[in-house]
Amino acid sequence: MRDDLIDLLWKGLLETLYMVFWSSLFALVLGMTLGVTLVVTEKGGILEAPRLHKVISTLINSVRSLPFIILIVLLLPLSRWVVGTTLGPTAAIVSLSIGAAPFLGRIIENTLKEVSPGKVEAAKSIGAPPFTIIFHVLIPEALPALVRGITIGIIGITEFTAVAGAIGAGGLGSLAIRFGYQRFREDVLFATVILIILLVQLIQWGGDFIAGQISKKRYKFE
């Protein structure tokens, strides 16, 4: 029985890590694009475009307003088109990435807005082009806070994988539901919960550590 439990947990953990890694990567690319675009296109931004800003903001709010379980169902046809199936960890990555991207986008937007406007204006005054300001002023200045915000986003994706497990995505969430709850195996249920807690703690610790190291290097050179 113990070997059976270990095998189930190991398989579930690997599937969860697979989903979290790739979903976080794709969601970060999409979220960073959305967040930066929102900041630079707002009124008074370095690439002011109020109409584009409003469209993107409305789109983000619309996606975020949907419960994740409903969003997964809505995106099933897209998952089938992209990966050829609606079941399994790979199919879930599509929904996880799209579902998490708006959340990350808002986090990144709010973080970038905390950068001192004076530094942006100083870069403008010396004739720095918009993309130089974005990649050499905005993002570097906000980097420690960005790392902490992205960490929150990755933890959210980890929680989303448990929801995705309810409709056949696999991973620890599916294991807890199919084996722990439906088959009344409390050992599987509790072991799964403990693994998810440990995984979230490790992600949080890793994010705090990286952000702390960046801050230390910054203070060292200032």
Protein backbone atom coordinates (compact mmCIF):
# COMPACT_ATOMS: atom_id res chain seq x y z
CA MET A 1 0.00 0.00 0.00
CA ARG A 2 2.85 2.39 0.82
CA ASP A 3 4.57 1.76 -2.53
CA ASP A 4 1.26 2.34 -4.27
CA LEU A 5 0.84 5.66 -2.45
CA ILE A 6 4.37 6.78 -3.29
CA ASP A 7 3.89 5.94 -6.97
CA LEU A 8 0.62 7.88 -7.11
CA LEU A 9 2.07 10.91 -5.34
CA TRP A 10 5.23 10.91 -7.47
CA LYS A 11 3.24 10.78 -10.71
CA GLY A 12 0.87 13.50 -9.50
CA LEU A 13 3.75 15.72 -8.37
CA LEU A 14 5.57 15.42 -11.69
CA GLU A 15 2.39 16.29 -13.61
CA THR A 16 1.77 19.29 -11.36
CA LEU A 17 5.36 20.55 -11.74
CA TYR A 18 5.07 20.12 -15.51
CA MET A 19 1.87 22.16 -15.63
CA VAL A 20 3.15 24.84 -13.26
CA PHE A 21 6.45 25.31 -15.11
CA TRP A 22 5.08 25.66 -18.63
CA SER A 23 1.93 27.52 -17.62
CA SER A 24 3.99 30.00 -15.58
CA LEU A 25 6.37 30.53 -18.49
CA PHE A 26 3.63 31.20 -21.05
CA ALA A 27 1.51 33.22 -18.60
CA LEU A 28 4.54 35.33 -17.69
CA VAL A 29 5.23 36.17 -21.34
CA LEU A 30 1.58 37.09 -21.91
CA GLY A 31 1.21 38.83 -18.55
CA MET A 32 4.38 40.89 -18.94
CA THR A 33 3.23 41.98 -22.39
CA LEU A 34 -0.19 42.97 -21.06
CA GLY A 35 1.16 44.70 -17.95
CA VAL A 36 3.80 46.74 -19.76
CA THR A 37 1.36 47.69 -22.51
CA LEU A 38 -1.18 48.90 -19.96
CA VAL A 39 1.40 51.12 -18.27
CA VAL A 40 2.93 52.68 -21.38
CA THR A 41 -0.36 53.26 -23.23
CA GLU A 42 -2.27 54.93 -20.40
CA LYS A 43 -2.92 58.66 -20.48
CA GLY A 44 0.42 60.39 -20.01
CA GLY A 45 2.34 57.17 -20.68
CA ILE A 46 5.44 56.97 -22.82
CA LEU A 47 3.42 55.47 -25.69
CA GLU A 48 0.07 57.08 -24.93
CA ALA A 49 -2.81 55.24 -26.61
CA PRO A 50 -5.97 55.55 -24.47
CA ARG A 51 -8.18 53.49 -26.78
CA LEU A 52 -5.77 50.56 -26.84
CA HIS A 53 -5.38 50.85 -23.08
CA LYS A 54 -9.14 50.69 -22.59
CA VAL A 55 -9.55 47.68 -24.88
CA ILE A 56 -6.80 45.70 -23.12
CA SER A 57 -8.05 46.70 -19.66
CA THR A 58 -11.60 45.63 -20.52
CA LEU A 59 -10.35 42.32 -21.93
CA ILE A 60 -8.35 41.62 -18.78
CA ASN A 61 -11.28 42.45 -16.52
CA SER A 62 -13.57 40.22 -18.58
CA VAL A 63 -11.28 37.19 -18.32
CA ARG A 64 -10.60 37.76 -14.63
CA SER A 65 -14.31 37.97 -13.86
CA LEU A 66 -14.84 34.36 -14.94
CA PRO A 67 -14.45 31.58 -12.36
CA PHE A 68 -11.49 29.48 -13.42
CA ILE A 69 -13.51 26.26 -13.74
CA ILE A 70 -15.81 28.01 -16.24
CA LEU A 71 -12.85 29.46 -18.12
CA ILE A 72 -11.37 25.98 -18.48
CA VAL A 73 -14.60 24.68 -20.00
CA LEU A 74 -14.78 27.63 -22.41
CA LEU A 75 -11.19 27.02 -23.52
CA LEU A 76 -11.59 23.28 -24.12
CA PRO A 77 -12.07 23.76 -27.89
CA LEU A 78 -8.89 25.86 -28.00
CA SER A 79 -6.99 23.17 -26.08
CA ARG A 80 -8.20 20.54 -28.52
CA TRP A 81 -7.11 22.71 -31.45
CA VAL A 82 -3.67 23.45 -29.99
CA VAL A 83 -2.66 20.08 -28.56
CA GLY A 84 -5.25 17.72 -30.06
CA THR A 85 -6.94 16.76 -26.80
CA THR A 86 -8.82 18.23 -23.84
CA LEU A 87 -7.43 15.78 -21.27
CA GLY A 88 -4.11 15.60 -19.50
CA PRO A 89 -1.52 18.08 -18.23
CA THR A 90 -0.52 19.38 -21.67
CA ALA A 91 -4.09 20.34 -22.54
CA ALA A 92 -4.46 22.09 -19.17
CA ILE A 93 -1.45 24.30 -19.89
CA VAL A 94 -3.47 26.21 -22.50
CA SER A 95 -6.22 27.09 -20.03
CA LEU A 96 -3.83 27.72 -17.17
CA SER A 97 -1.69 30.10 -19.23
CA ILE A 98 -4.62 32.12 -20.54
CA GLY A 99 -6.38 32.13 -17.18
CA ALA A 100 -3.32 33.32 -15.26
CA ALA A 101 -2.02 35.87 -17.78
CA PRO A 102 -4.57 38.64 -16.95
CA PHE A 103 -3.92 38.16 -13.23
CA LEU A 104 -0.18 38.48 -13.80
CA GLY A 105 -0.77 41.40 -16.13
CA ARG A 106 -2.53 43.38 -13.39
CA ILE A 107 0.19 42.55 -10.87
CA ILE A 108 2.89 43.70 -13.29
CA GLU A 109 0.94 46.84 -14.20
CA ASN A 110 0.55 47.88 -10.56
CA THR A 111 4.19 47.11 -9.81
CA LEU A 112 5.50 49.17 -12.72
CA LYS A 113 3.31 52.09 -11.69
CA GLU A 114 5.22 52.24 -8.42
CA VAL A 115 8.40 53.26 -10.25
CA SER A 116 9.22 56.90 -9.54
CA PRO A 117 7.84 59.09 -12.36
CA GLY A 118 10.92 61.27 -11.95
CA LYS A 119 13.17 58.51 -13.25
CA VAL A 120 11.00 58.04 -16.31
CA GLU A 121 10.93 61.79 -16.93
CA ALA A 122 14.71 61.96 -16.55
CA ALA A 123 15.09 59.28 -19.21
CA LYS A 124 12.69 61.16 -21.49
CA SER A 125 14.59 64.42 -20.99
CA ILE A 126 17.80 62.93 -22.36
CA GLY A 127 15.99 61.65 -25.42
CA ALA A 128 15.81 57.95 -24.51
CA PRO A 129 13.48 56.07 -26.88
CA PRO A 130 10.40 54.35 -25.40
CA PHE A 131 11.80 50.82 -25.53
CA THR A 132 14.99 51.95 -23.80
CA ILE A 133 12.89 53.48 -21.02
CA ILE A 134 10.88 50.27 -20.68
CA PHE A 135 13.81 47.85 -20.58
CA HIS A 136 16.40 50.04 -18.86
CA VAL A 137 14.32 52.11 -16.45
CA LEU A 138 10.84 50.72 -15.77
CA ILE A 139 11.55 47.01 -15.51
CA PRO A 140 14.96 47.20 -13.75
CA GLU A 141 13.66 49.69 -11.18
CA ALA A 142 10.68 47.48 -10.37
CA LEU A 143 12.52 44.14 -10.56
CA PRO A 144 12.45 43.07 -6.86
CA ALA A 145 8.74 43.88 -6.62
CA LEU A 146 8.12 42.21 -9.98
CA VAL A 147 9.73 39.01 -8.73
CA ARG A 148 7.52 39.02 -5.64
CA GLY A 149 4.43 39.68 -7.74
CA ILE A 150 5.31 36.96 -10.22
CA THR A 151 5.80 34.60 -7.27
CA ILE A 152 2.22 35.29 -6.20
CA GLY A 153 1.12 34.56 -9.75
CA ILE A 154 2.96 31.22 -9.85
CA ILE A 155 1.38 30.23 -6.55
CA GLY A 156 -1.99 31.09 -8.08
CA ILE A 157 -1.21 28.85 -11.05
CA THR A 158 -0.31 26.05 -8.64
CA GLU A 159 -3.73 26.43 -7.04
CA PHE A 160 -5.37 26.51 -10.49
CA THR A 161 -3.82 23.12 -11.32
CA ALA A 162 -5.86 21.61 -8.51
CA VAL A 163 -9.04 23.03 -10.07
CA ALA A 164 -7.98 21.80 -13.50
CA GLY A 165 -7.56 18.34 -12.01
CA ALA A 166 -11.32 18.19 -11.55
CA ILE A 167 -11.84 17.94 -15.33
CA GLY A 168 -9.09 15.51 -16.20
CA ALA A 169 -5.91 17.59 -16.19
CA GLY A 170 -4.05 15.20 -13.93
CA GLY A 171 -1.64 16.29 -11.22
CA LEU A 172 -2.05 16.43 -7.46
CA GLY A 173 -5.49 18.03 -7.69
CA SER A 174 -6.83 15.18 -9.79
CA LEU A 175 -5.20 12.69 -7.44
CA ALA A 176 -6.85 14.26 -4.40
CA ILE A 177 -10.28 14.22 -6.06
CA ARG A 178 -10.22 10.84 -7.87
CA PHE A 179 -8.32 8.75 -5.34
CA GLY A 180 -8.52 10.71 -2.10
CA TYR A 181 -12.14 11.90 -2.15
CA GLN A 182 -14.05 9.64 -4.53
CA ARG A 183 -12.35 6.41 -3.37
CA PHE A 184 -12.29 7.43 0.31
CA ARG A 185 -8.51 7.14 0.60
CA GLU A 186 -7.68 9.59 3.33
CA ASP A 187 -3.97 8.76 3.11
CA VAL A 188 -3.88 9.97 -0.50
CA LEU A 189 -5.97 13.05 0.31
CA PHE A 190 -3.83 14.20 3.23
CA ALA A 191 -0.53 13.37 1.53
CA THR A 192 -1.62 15.37 -1.52
CA VAL A 193 -2.56 18.37 0.60
CA ILE A 194 0.80 18.26 2.36
CA LEU A 195 2.66 18.09 -0.96
CA ILE A 196 0.76 21.08 -2.34
CA ILE A 197 1.47 23.08 0.82
CA LEU A 198 5.18 22.24 0.61
CA LEU A 199 5.28 23.14 -3.08
CA VAL A 200 3.68 26.53 -2.43
CA GLN A 201 6.08 27.19 0.45
CA LEU A 202 9.08 26.38 -1.76
CA ILE A 203 7.83 28.68 -4.52
CA GLN A 204 7.30 31.49 -2.02
CA TRP A 205 10.71 30.96 -0.45
CA GLY A 206 12.38 30.91 -3.85
CA GLY A 207 10.67 34.11 -4.95
CA ASP A 208 11.54 35.92 -1.70
CA PHE A 209 15.15 34.75 -1.94
CA ILE A 210 15.59 35.95 -5.54
CA ALA A 211 13.94 39.30 -4.79
CA GLY A 212 16.14 39.71 -1.71
CA GLN A 213 19.32 38.99 -3.69
CA ILE A 214 18.35 41.54 -6.35
CA SER A 215 17.68 44.16 -3.67
CA LYS A 216 21.01 43.46 -1.97
CA LYS A 217 22.93 43.89 -5.21
CA ARG A 218 21.07 47.11 -5.95
CA TYR A 219 21.84 48.61 -2.54
CA LYS A 220 25.46 47.50 -2.86
CA PHE A 221 25.96 49.48 -6.04
CA GLU A 222 23.98 52.53 -4.99
